[in-house]
Amino acid sequence: MEETLRHIIGPDSNAINGWQMSIRGILVFCLAIAMVRLGYHLIFSKNATFDIVLRIILGIG
């Protein structure tokens, strides 16, 4: 299982493929959406989920 996961998302070093980098980005985006959905009413009330995730990823306050 661990070997398969390492093959999919790449090793911990800088030697990863383009598709492995894309999978990592998609995973981070999905996790960010899940975190925003779970805490939506507590933290953000007037913004759309997509806008909040983009602000988090881009580092816009």
N, C-alpha and C. Protein backbone atom coordinates (compact mmCIF):
# COMPACT_ATOMS: atom_id res chain seq x y z
N MET A 1 0.82 -1.19 0.00
CA MET A 1 0.00 0.00 0.00
C MET A 1 0.86 1.26 0.00
N GLU A 2 1.87 1.29 0.87
CA GLU A 2 2.73 2.47 0.95
C GLU A 2 3.53 2.65 -0.35
N GLU A 3 3.98 1.57 -0.93
CA GLU A 3 4.73 1.64 -2.19
C GLU A 3 3.84 2.16 -3.33
N THR A 4 2.60 1.74 -3.36
CA THR A 4 1.66 2.22 -4.38
C THR A 4 1.41 3.71 -4.21
N LEU A 5 1.22 4.14 -2.97
CA LEU A 5 0.99 5.56 -2.70
C LEU A 5 2.20 6.39 -3.09
N ARG A 6 3.39 5.90 -2.79
CA ARG A 6 4.61 6.62 -3.19
C ARG A 6 4.73 6.70 -4.71
N HIS A 7 4.30 5.66 -5.41
CA HIS A 7 4.35 5.68 -6.88
C HIS A 7 3.36 6.70 -7.44
N ILE A 8 2.20 6.82 -6.81
CA ILE A 8 1.16 7.73 -7.32
C ILE A 8 1.51 9.19 -7.05
N ILE A 9 1.85 9.53 -5.80
CA ILE A 9 2.11 10.94 -5.48
C ILE A 9 3.58 11.31 -5.52
N GLY A 10 4.45 10.35 -5.67
CA GLY A 10 5.87 10.63 -5.82
C GLY A 10 6.63 10.52 -4.51
N PRO A 11 7.96 10.46 -4.62
CA PRO A 11 8.80 10.35 -3.42
C PRO A 11 8.84 11.69 -2.68
N ASP A 12 9.52 11.70 -1.54
CA ASP A 12 9.63 12.92 -0.75
C ASP A 12 10.70 13.87 -1.28
N SER A 13 11.42 13.48 -2.29
CA SER A 13 12.47 14.34 -2.84
C SER A 13 11.89 15.25 -3.92
N ASN A 14 12.77 15.98 -4.57
CA ASN A 14 12.35 16.91 -5.63
C ASN A 14 12.18 16.23 -6.98
N ALA A 15 12.45 14.95 -7.08
CA ALA A 15 12.40 14.22 -8.34
C ALA A 15 11.00 13.63 -8.55
N ILE A 16 10.03 14.47 -8.90
CA ILE A 16 8.68 13.98 -9.18
C ILE A 16 8.29 14.36 -10.59
N ASN A 17 7.39 13.59 -11.16
CA ASN A 17 6.91 13.83 -12.51
C ASN A 17 5.85 14.92 -12.51
N GLY A 18 5.49 15.38 -13.70
CA GLY A 18 4.45 16.38 -13.83
C GLY A 18 3.09 15.87 -13.39
N TRP A 19 2.78 14.62 -13.70
CA TRP A 19 1.48 14.08 -13.31
C TRP A 19 1.40 13.85 -11.81
N GLN A 20 2.55 13.55 -11.17
CA GLN A 20 2.56 13.40 -9.71
C GLN A 20 2.34 14.75 -9.03
N MET A 21 2.91 15.81 -9.61
CA MET A 21 2.69 17.15 -9.10
C MET A 21 1.22 17.56 -9.25
N SER A 22 0.62 17.17 -10.36
CA SER A 22 -0.79 17.47 -10.59
C SER A 22 -1.68 16.75 -9.58
N ILE A 23 -1.38 15.49 -9.29
CA ILE A 23 -2.15 14.73 -8.31
C ILE A 23 -2.02 15.36 -6.93
N ARG A 24 -0.82 15.81 -6.58
CA ARG A 24 -0.63 16.48 -5.29
C ARG A 24 -1.47 17.76 -5.21
N GLY A 25 -1.49 18.52 -6.28
CA GLY A 25 -2.28 19.75 -6.31
C GLY A 25 -3.76 19.47 -6.17
N ILE A 26 -4.24 18.45 -6.86
CA ILE A 26 -5.66 18.08 -6.77
C ILE A 26 -6.01 17.62 -5.36
N LEU A 27 -5.13 16.84 -4.74
CA LEU A 27 -5.36 16.39 -3.36
C LEU A 27 -5.43 17.57 -2.39
N VAL A 28 -4.52 18.52 -2.53
CA VAL A 28 -4.52 19.69 -1.66
C VAL A 28 -5.80 20.50 -1.86
N PHE A 29 -6.22 20.66 -3.10
CA PHE A 29 -7.44 21.41 -3.40
C PHE A 29 -8.65 20.71 -2.79
N CYS A 30 -8.74 19.40 -2.93
CA CYS A 30 -9.88 18.65 -2.37
C CYS A 30 -9.89 18.71 -0.85
N LEU A 31 -8.72 18.61 -0.23
CA LEU A 31 -8.65 18.72 1.23
C LEU A 31 -9.04 20.12 1.70
N ALA A 32 -8.65 21.13 0.95
CA ALA A 32 -9.02 22.50 1.32
C ALA A 32 -10.52 22.70 1.22
N ILE A 33 -11.14 22.16 0.17
CA ILE A 33 -12.59 22.26 0.04
C ILE A 33 -13.27 21.53 1.19
N ALA A 34 -12.78 20.36 1.56
CA ALA A 34 -13.37 19.61 2.67
C ALA A 34 -13.25 20.39 3.98
N MET A 35 -12.11 21.00 4.23
CA MET A 35 -11.93 21.77 5.46
C MET A 35 -12.84 22.98 5.50
N VAL A 36 -13.00 23.65 4.37
CA VAL A 36 -13.88 24.82 4.32
C VAL A 36 -15.33 24.40 4.50
N ARG A 37 -15.73 23.29 3.91
CA ARG A 37 -17.11 22.81 4.06
C ARG A 37 -17.41 22.45 5.51
N LEU A 38 -16.44 21.86 6.21
CA LEU A 38 -16.66 21.48 7.60
C LEU A 38 -16.77 22.69 8.52
N GLY A 39 -15.99 23.72 8.27
CA GLY A 39 -16.01 24.90 9.13
C GLY A 39 -16.65 26.10 8.51
N TYR A 40 -17.51 25.88 7.53
CA TYR A 40 -18.07 26.98 6.73
C TYR A 40 -18.84 27.98 7.59
N HIS A 41 -19.73 27.53 8.42
CA HIS A 41 -20.58 28.44 9.18
C HIS A 41 -19.82 29.09 10.34
N LEU A 42 -18.74 28.49 10.75
CA LEU A 42 -17.99 29.05 11.86
C LEU A 42 -17.03 30.15 11.42
N ILE A 43 -16.43 29.99 10.25
CA ILE A 43 -15.38 30.91 9.83
C ILE A 43 -15.85 31.89 8.75
N PHE A 44 -16.45 31.35 7.71
CA PHE A 44 -16.83 32.17 6.56
C PHE A 44 -18.34 32.12 6.39
N SER A 45 -18.93 33.28 6.16
CA SER A 45 -20.38 33.25 6.05
C SER A 45 -20.92 33.80 4.73
N LYS A 46 -20.20 34.69 4.09
CA LYS A 46 -20.75 35.34 2.90
C LYS A 46 -20.03 35.00 1.60
N ASN A 47 -18.98 34.21 1.65
CA ASN A 47 -18.21 33.87 0.46
C ASN A 47 -18.53 32.45 0.00
N ALA A 48 -18.40 32.23 -1.30
CA ALA A 48 -18.59 30.89 -1.85
C ALA A 48 -17.36 30.04 -1.50
N THR A 49 -17.57 28.74 -1.43
CA THR A 49 -16.49 27.82 -1.06
C THR A 49 -15.32 27.92 -2.02
N PHE A 50 -15.61 27.99 -3.30
CA PHE A 50 -14.55 28.06 -4.31
C PHE A 50 -13.71 29.33 -4.12
N ASP A 51 -14.35 30.45 -3.82
CA ASP A 51 -13.62 31.70 -3.59
C ASP A 51 -12.70 31.60 -2.38
N ILE A 52 -13.18 30.96 -1.33
CA ILE A 52 -12.39 30.82 -0.12
C ILE A 52 -11.17 29.93 -0.37
N VAL A 53 -11.37 28.83 -1.07
CA VAL A 53 -10.25 27.92 -1.37
C VAL A 53 -9.23 28.61 -2.25
N LEU A 54 -9.67 29.38 -3.24
CA LEU A 54 -8.73 30.10 -4.08
C LEU A 54 -7.94 31.12 -3.28
N ARG A 55 -8.59 31.81 -2.36
CA ARG A 55 -7.89 32.77 -1.51
C ARG A 55 -6.85 32.08 -0.64
N ILE A 56 -7.20 30.93 -0.09
CA ILE A 56 -6.24 30.19 0.73
C ILE A 56 -5.04 29.74 -0.09
N ILE A 57 -5.30 29.19 -1.28
CA ILE A 57 -4.22 28.69 -2.12
C ILE A 57 -3.33 29.82 -2.62
N LEU A 58 -3.93 30.93 -3.00
CA LEU A 58 -3.16 32.07 -3.51
C LEU A 58 -2.55 32.93 -2.40
N GLY A 59 -2.99 32.73 -1.17
CA GLY A 59 -2.45 33.47 -0.05
C GLY A 59 -3.00 34.88 0.06
N ILE A 60 -4.20 35.09 -0.48
CA ILE A 60 -4.83 36.41 -0.42
C ILE A 60 -5.66 36.49 0.86
N GLY A 61 -5.47 37.54 1.62
CA GLY A 61 -6.18 37.70 2.89
C GLY A 61 -7.49 38.29 2.71
